[in-house]
Amino acid sequence: MSTSSESEAFYNKLRAQLYDTALWPSEYLYKFIVSTDSNKIERVESLFNNMGAVINTKESKNGKYTSISINVKMKNPDAVIEKYKEVTEKVEGVISL
């Protein structure tokens, strides 16, 4: 996101979509991409500790990037968005999908 107003618009749209498409609490699938760096991968995974998350990682074909899929039960759309914000604040260079 290039500006905070753009990211807020994105999160507001996501919040509305989540309220429209699921009954909460609900399972949510997060997808992140980081450069293949064990510290970054561990940092993303650690943010979901003690949440009962199922985490899968997969390296890109050339090994430069790693995708991280995290399936976890979340309380509501606001909790989903707060977790996205936490990950992007605490892990440099992470891409949220």
C-alpha atoms as a PDB file:
ATOM      1  CA  MET A   1       0.000   0.000   0.000  1.00  0.00           C
ATOM      2  CA  SER A   2       1.406   3.363  -0.889  1.00  0.00           C
ATOM      3  CA  THR A   3      -0.550   5.526   1.536  1.00  0.00           C
ATOM      4  CA  SER A   4      -2.350   4.996   4.793  1.00  0.00           C
ATOM      5  CA  SER A   5      -5.622   6.227   3.264  1.00  0.00           C
ATOM      6  CA  GLU A   6      -5.321   3.574   0.538  1.00  0.00           C
ATOM      7  CA  SER A   7      -4.633   0.867   3.090  1.00  0.00           C
ATOM      8  CA  GLU A   8      -7.575   2.005   5.242  1.00  0.00           C
ATOM      9  CA  ALA A   9      -9.823   1.915   2.164  1.00  0.00           C
ATOM     10  CA  PHE A  10      -8.563  -1.611   1.441  1.00  0.00           C
ATOM     11  CA  TYR A  11      -9.236  -2.744   5.022  1.00  0.00           C
ATOM     12  CA  ASN A  12     -12.695  -1.134   5.057  1.00  0.00           C
ATOM     13  CA  LYS A  13     -13.601  -2.978   1.852  1.00  0.00           C
ATOM     14  CA  LEU A  14     -12.206  -6.240   3.255  1.00  0.00           C
ATOM     15  CA  ARG A  15     -14.173  -5.765   6.508  1.00  0.00           C
ATOM     16  CA  ALA A  16     -17.427  -5.315   4.566  1.00  0.00           C
ATOM     17  CA  GLN A  17     -16.721  -8.379   2.410  1.00  0.00           C
ATOM     18  CA  LEU A  18     -15.932 -10.517   5.453  1.00  0.00           C
ATOM     19  CA  TYR A  19     -19.135  -9.506   7.229  1.00  0.00           C
ATOM     20  CA  ASP A  20     -21.106 -10.320   4.054  1.00  0.00           C
ATOM     21  CA  THR A  21     -19.548 -13.714   3.338  1.00  0.00           C
ATOM     22  CA  ALA A  22     -19.186 -15.512   6.663  1.00  0.00           C
ATOM     23  CA  LEU A  23     -20.791 -16.103  10.030  1.00  0.00           C
ATOM     24  CA  TRP A  24     -18.399 -15.213  12.818  1.00  0.00           C
ATOM     25  CA  PRO A  25     -16.391 -16.650  14.503  1.00  0.00           C
ATOM     26  CA  SER A  26     -15.102 -18.328  11.356  1.00  0.00           C
ATOM     27  CA  GLU A  27     -12.062 -19.988   9.809  1.00  0.00           C
ATOM     28  CA  TYR A  28      -9.927 -17.535   7.843  1.00  0.00           C
ATOM     29  CA  LEU A  29      -7.060 -18.272   5.459  1.00  0.00           C
ATOM     30  CA  TYR A  30      -4.214 -15.779   5.550  1.00  0.00           C
ATOM     31  CA  LYS A  31      -1.637 -15.800   2.773  1.00  0.00           C
ATOM     32  CA  PHE A  32       1.678 -14.030   3.010  1.00  0.00           C
ATOM     33  CA  ILE A  33       4.812 -13.960   0.885  1.00  0.00           C
ATOM     34  CA  VAL A  34       8.246 -13.207   2.334  1.00  0.00           C
ATOM     35  CA  SER A  35      11.758 -13.489   1.011  1.00  0.00           C
ATOM     36  CA  THR A  36      13.100 -16.902   1.938  1.00  0.00           C
ATOM     37  CA  ASP A  37      14.642 -15.942   5.259  1.00  0.00           C
ATOM     38  CA  SER A  38      14.092 -18.238   8.232  1.00  0.00           C
ATOM     39  CA  ASN A  39      13.853 -15.261  10.618  1.00  0.00           C
ATOM     40  CA  LYS A  40      11.023 -13.668   8.619  1.00  0.00           C
ATOM     41  CA  ILE A  41       9.178 -16.962   8.248  1.00  0.00           C
ATOM     42  CA  GLU A  42       9.504 -17.678  11.985  1.00  0.00           C
ATOM     43  CA  ARG A  43       8.380 -14.135  12.843  1.00  0.00           C
ATOM     44  CA  VAL A  44       5.183 -14.518  10.782  1.00  0.00           C
ATOM     45  CA  GLU A  45       4.500 -17.952  12.280  1.00  0.00           C
ATOM     46  CA  SER A  46       5.136 -16.698  15.832  1.00  0.00           C
ATOM     47  CA  LEU A  47       2.414 -14.052  15.469  1.00  0.00           C
ATOM     48  CA  PHE A  48      -0.101 -16.902  15.220  1.00  0.00           C
ATOM     49  CA  ASN A  49       1.234 -18.916  18.187  1.00  0.00           C
ATOM     50  CA  ASN A  50      -1.351 -20.256  20.643  1.00  0.00           C
ATOM     51  CA  MET A  51      -4.216 -19.589  18.225  1.00  0.00           C
ATOM     52  CA  GLY A  52      -4.654 -23.154  16.958  1.00  0.00           C
ATOM     53  CA  ALA A  53      -3.455 -22.107  13.507  1.00  0.00           C
ATOM     54  CA  VAL A  54      -2.573 -24.588  10.771  1.00  0.00           C
ATOM     55  CA  ILE A  55       0.478 -23.183   8.985  1.00  0.00           C
ATOM     56  CA  ASN A  56       1.904 -24.336   5.657  1.00  0.00           C
ATOM     57  CA  THR A  57       4.932 -22.919   3.880  1.00  0.00           C
ATOM     58  CA  LYS A  58       6.081 -23.401   0.319  1.00  0.00           C
ATOM     59  CA  GLU A  59       9.234 -22.109  -1.310  1.00  0.00           C
ATOM     60  CA  SER A  60       9.046 -20.592  -4.769  1.00  0.00           C
ATOM     61  CA  LYS A  61      10.528 -22.509  -7.669  1.00  0.00           C
ATOM     62  CA  ASN A  62      13.812 -20.582  -7.516  1.00  0.00           C
ATOM     63  CA  GLY A  63      13.857 -20.497  -3.699  1.00  0.00           C
ATOM     64  CA  LYS A  64      13.887 -16.712  -3.471  1.00  0.00           C
ATOM     65  CA  TYR A  65      10.455 -16.383  -1.822  1.00  0.00           C
ATOM     66  CA  THR A  66       8.328 -18.426   0.563  1.00  0.00           C
ATOM     67  CA  SER A  67       4.550 -18.376   0.716  1.00  0.00           C
ATOM     68  CA  ILE A  68       2.974 -18.857   4.122  1.00  0.00           C
ATOM     69  CA  SER A  69      -0.650 -20.031   4.365  1.00  0.00           C
ATOM     70  CA  ILE A  70      -2.245 -19.801   7.782  1.00  0.00           C
ATOM     71  CA  ASN A  71      -5.696 -21.210   8.489  1.00  0.00           C
ATOM     72  CA  VAL A  72      -7.029 -20.043  11.840  1.00  0.00           C
ATOM     73  CA  LYS A  73     -10.359 -19.456  13.546  1.00  0.00           C
ATOM     74  CA  MET A  74     -10.920 -15.731  14.011  1.00  0.00           C
ATOM     75  CA  LYS A  75     -13.501 -13.987  16.191  1.00  0.00           C
ATOM     76  CA  ASN A  76     -14.689 -11.379  13.655  1.00  0.00           C
ATOM     77  CA  PRO A  77     -13.569  -9.318  10.644  1.00  0.00           C
ATOM     78  CA  ASP A  78     -11.970  -6.695  12.899  1.00  0.00           C
ATOM     79  CA  ALA A  79      -9.750  -9.396  14.445  1.00  0.00           C
ATOM     80  CA  VAL A  80      -8.767 -10.551  10.926  1.00  0.00           C
ATOM     81  CA  ILE A  81      -7.752  -7.017   9.957  1.00  0.00           C
ATOM     82  CA  GLU A  82      -5.881  -6.390  13.211  1.00  0.00           C
ATOM     83  CA  LYS A  83      -3.801  -9.521  12.572  1.00  0.00           C
ATOM     84  CA  TYR A  84      -3.003  -8.349   9.010  1.00  0.00           C
ATOM     85  CA  LYS A  85      -1.854  -4.999  10.416  1.00  0.00           C
ATOM     86  CA  GLU A  86       0.224  -6.692  13.115  1.00  0.00           C
ATOM     87  CA  VAL A  87       2.025  -8.886  10.580  1.00  0.00           C
ATOM     88  CA  THR A  88       2.742  -6.014   8.173  1.00  0.00           C
ATOM     89  CA  GLU A  89       4.038  -3.831  11.026  1.00  0.00           C
ATOM     90  CA  LYS A  90       6.283  -6.501  12.556  1.00  0.00           C
ATOM     91  CA  VAL A  91       7.675  -8.288   9.489  1.00  0.00           C
ATOM     92  CA  GLU A  92       9.618  -6.136   7.064  1.00  0.00           C
ATOM     93  CA  GLY A  93       8.892  -6.709   3.382  1.00  0.00           C
ATOM     94  CA  VAL A  94       5.955  -9.070   3.897  1.00  0.00           C
ATOM     95  CA  ILE A  95       3.325  -9.146   1.162  1.00  0.00           C
ATOM     96  CA  SER A  96      -0.261  -9.864   2.192  1.00  0.00           C
ATOM     97  CA  LEU A  97      -2.535 -11.588  -0.286  1.00  0.00           C
END
